[in-house]
Amino acid sequence: MLNQLKKLFQSLQETASKEELDFNTALAALLVEVMRADGKLQQSEFDKIAELLKTRCELPQAQVTTLIDEAQQLVEQAVDMYSFAKQINNHTNDVERIEVIELLWHVAYADGELDSHEDHIIRKIAGLFYVAHADFIAAKLRAKP
């Protein structure tokens, strides 16, 4: 009986570690969350996400496209953003999380207008990142075109 429980726990741990998101996927998912927030999927927002992932994560274009597709599927299946935010929190410090918030603002501004839903979703993510309101606003102002 004890051996069966050990095997069960080991298999659960292996499954959990296989299913855990990597940083790039979590970042892409949060960027996609912002893009989807206003209910309009604009090409300018797709392009901005691709540009940010390519330059910030130093990924080739083919991998960026695959990553965005995967992120869109994950976002559609996700109940909340906690798992994405947790992965970012685990791999970044305070300053880097503020930089991620700035990237989210860049996506929100990519279509030329800021929707209240985009503002709201970024505010929620900032809360999950434990980003102070002053830093949240500073990141917004830096990203504003």
Protein backbone atom coordinates (compact mmCIF):
# COMPACT_ATOMS: atom_id res chain seq x y z
CA MET A 1 0.00 0.00 0.00
CA LEU A 2 2.76 2.43 0.93
CA ASN A 3 4.66 1.67 -2.28
CA GLN A 4 1.53 2.37 -4.34
CA LEU A 5 1.14 5.77 -2.69
CA LYS A 6 4.80 6.59 -3.36
CA LYS A 7 4.35 5.67 -7.02
CA LEU A 8 1.20 7.79 -7.24
CA PHE A 9 2.93 10.84 -5.74
CA GLN A 10 5.93 10.38 -8.02
CA SER A 11 3.74 10.17 -11.10
CA LEU A 12 1.82 13.28 -10.01
CA GLN A 13 5.07 15.21 -9.52
CA GLU A 14 6.37 14.10 -12.93
CA THR A 15 3.10 15.13 -14.59
CA ALA A 16 3.12 18.51 -12.83
CA SER A 17 6.70 19.23 -13.85
CA LYS A 18 5.93 18.30 -17.48
CA GLU A 19 2.87 20.55 -17.52
CA GLU A 20 4.60 23.53 -15.95
CA LEU A 21 4.88 26.48 -18.29
CA ASP A 22 8.19 27.93 -19.30
CA PHE A 23 8.84 31.65 -18.95
CA ASN A 24 8.43 32.50 -22.65
CA THR A 25 5.09 30.69 -22.88
CA ALA A 26 3.80 32.42 -19.75
CA LEU A 27 4.91 35.81 -21.07
CA ALA A 28 3.30 35.15 -24.44
CA ALA A 29 0.07 34.08 -22.73
CA LEU A 30 -0.12 37.32 -20.73
CA LEU A 31 0.56 39.36 -23.87
CA VAL A 32 -2.24 37.45 -25.62
CA GLU A 33 -4.55 38.07 -22.63
CA VAL A 34 -4.09 41.81 -23.11
CA MET A 35 -4.63 41.53 -26.87
CA ARG A 36 -7.91 39.65 -26.32
CA ALA A 37 -9.15 41.94 -23.53
CA ASP A 38 -11.01 44.38 -25.78
CA GLY A 39 -12.67 41.61 -27.80
CA LYS A 40 -10.91 42.68 -31.01
CA LEU A 41 -7.93 40.75 -32.35
CA GLN A 42 -6.04 43.33 -34.37
CA GLN A 43 -3.08 42.59 -36.65
CA SER A 44 -1.15 45.47 -35.07
CA GLU A 45 -1.42 43.73 -31.69
CA PHE A 46 -0.28 40.38 -33.14
CA ASP A 47 2.65 42.17 -34.76
CA LYS A 48 3.57 43.91 -31.50
CA ILE A 49 3.49 40.62 -29.57
CA ALA A 50 5.68 38.96 -32.21
CA GLU A 51 8.12 41.88 -32.12
CA LEU A 52 8.35 41.85 -28.32
CA LEU A 53 8.88 38.09 -28.14
CA LYS A 54 11.46 38.20 -30.92
CA THR A 55 13.48 41.04 -29.42
CA ARG A 56 13.02 40.50 -25.67
CA CYS A 57 13.19 36.70 -25.64
CA GLU A 58 15.63 36.55 -28.57
CA LEU A 59 13.58 33.97 -30.46
CA PRO A 60 13.58 33.22 -34.19
CA GLN A 61 10.42 34.17 -36.11
CA ALA A 62 9.29 30.56 -36.60
CA GLN A 63 9.46 29.90 -32.87
CA VAL A 64 7.64 33.18 -32.13
CA THR A 65 4.74 32.17 -34.37
CA THR A 66 4.50 28.75 -32.73
CA LEU A 67 4.71 30.33 -29.27
CA ILE A 68 1.89 32.78 -30.00
CA ASP A 69 -0.32 29.97 -31.32
CA GLU A 70 0.38 27.89 -28.20
CA ALA A 71 -0.26 30.89 -25.94
CA GLN A 72 -3.61 31.56 -27.61
CA GLN A 73 -4.69 27.97 -26.97
CA LEU A 74 -3.57 28.15 -23.34
CA VAL A 75 -5.40 31.42 -22.78
CA GLU A 76 -8.61 30.02 -24.26
CA GLN A 77 -8.40 27.02 -21.90
CA ALA A 78 -7.28 28.94 -18.81
CA VAL A 79 -9.65 29.68 -15.98
CA ASP A 80 -7.51 32.55 -14.71
CA MET A 81 -4.09 34.15 -15.19
CA TYR A 82 -2.54 32.91 -11.96
CA SER A 83 -0.43 30.12 -13.50
CA PHE A 84 1.01 32.52 -16.06
CA ALA A 85 1.75 35.18 -13.45
CA LYS A 86 3.23 32.61 -11.08
CA GLN A 87 5.73 31.51 -13.71
CA ILE A 88 6.78 35.12 -14.34
CA ASN A 89 7.04 35.78 -10.58
CA ASN A 90 9.23 32.69 -10.14
CA HIS A 91 11.74 33.82 -12.76
CA THR A 92 11.92 37.58 -12.32
CA ASN A 93 12.73 40.23 -9.76
CA ASP A 94 10.69 43.37 -9.00
CA VAL A 95 12.32 45.47 -11.73
CA GLU A 96 11.84 42.78 -14.36
CA ARG A 97 8.17 42.38 -13.45
CA ILE A 98 7.69 46.12 -13.96
CA GLU A 99 9.33 45.71 -17.38
CA VAL A 100 6.82 42.95 -18.18
CA ILE A 101 4.00 45.33 -17.22
CA GLU A 102 5.48 47.85 -19.65
CA LEU A 103 5.45 45.20 -22.40
CA LEU A 104 1.77 44.59 -21.69
CA TRP A 105 1.11 48.31 -22.10
CA HIS A 106 2.88 48.25 -25.46
CA VAL A 107 0.42 45.59 -26.65
CA ALA A 108 -2.52 47.59 -25.30
CA TYR A 109 -1.38 50.69 -27.20
CA ALA A 110 -0.49 48.79 -30.40
CA ASP A 111 -3.86 49.40 -32.07
CA GLY A 112 -3.74 53.14 -31.39
CA GLU A 113 -6.35 53.18 -28.63
CA LEU A 114 -6.45 52.05 -25.02
CA ASP A 115 -9.59 50.14 -24.12
CA SER A 116 -10.81 50.08 -20.51
CA HIS A 117 -10.77 46.27 -20.60
CA GLU A 118 -7.08 46.31 -21.53
CA ASP A 119 -6.38 48.72 -18.67
CA HIS A 120 -8.30 46.46 -16.30
CA ILE A 121 -6.50 43.26 -17.30
CA ILE A 122 -3.08 44.90 -16.98
CA ARG A 123 -4.09 46.22 -13.56
CA LYS A 124 -5.05 42.66 -12.51
CA ILE A 125 -1.75 41.28 -13.77
CA ALA A 126 0.15 44.02 -11.94
CA GLY A 127 -1.64 42.93 -8.78
CA LEU A 128 -0.57 39.33 -9.35
CA PHE A 129 3.00 40.60 -9.81
CA TYR A 130 2.79 42.70 -6.61
CA VAL A 131 3.73 45.81 -8.60
CA ALA A 132 3.16 49.08 -6.75
CA HIS A 133 0.64 51.50 -8.26
CA ALA A 134 3.33 54.13 -8.87
CA ASP A 135 5.39 51.61 -10.86
CA PHE A 136 2.27 50.51 -12.73
CA ILE A 137 1.60 54.12 -13.81
CA ALA A 138 5.26 54.77 -14.65
CA ALA A 139 5.31 51.70 -16.92
CA LYS A 140 2.10 52.91 -18.58
CA LEU A 141 3.58 56.34 -19.25
CA ARG A 142 6.82 54.88 -20.65
CA ALA A 143 4.86 52.70 -23.08
CA LYS A 144 2.46 55.43 -24.20
CA PRO A 145 3.17 56.44 -27.81
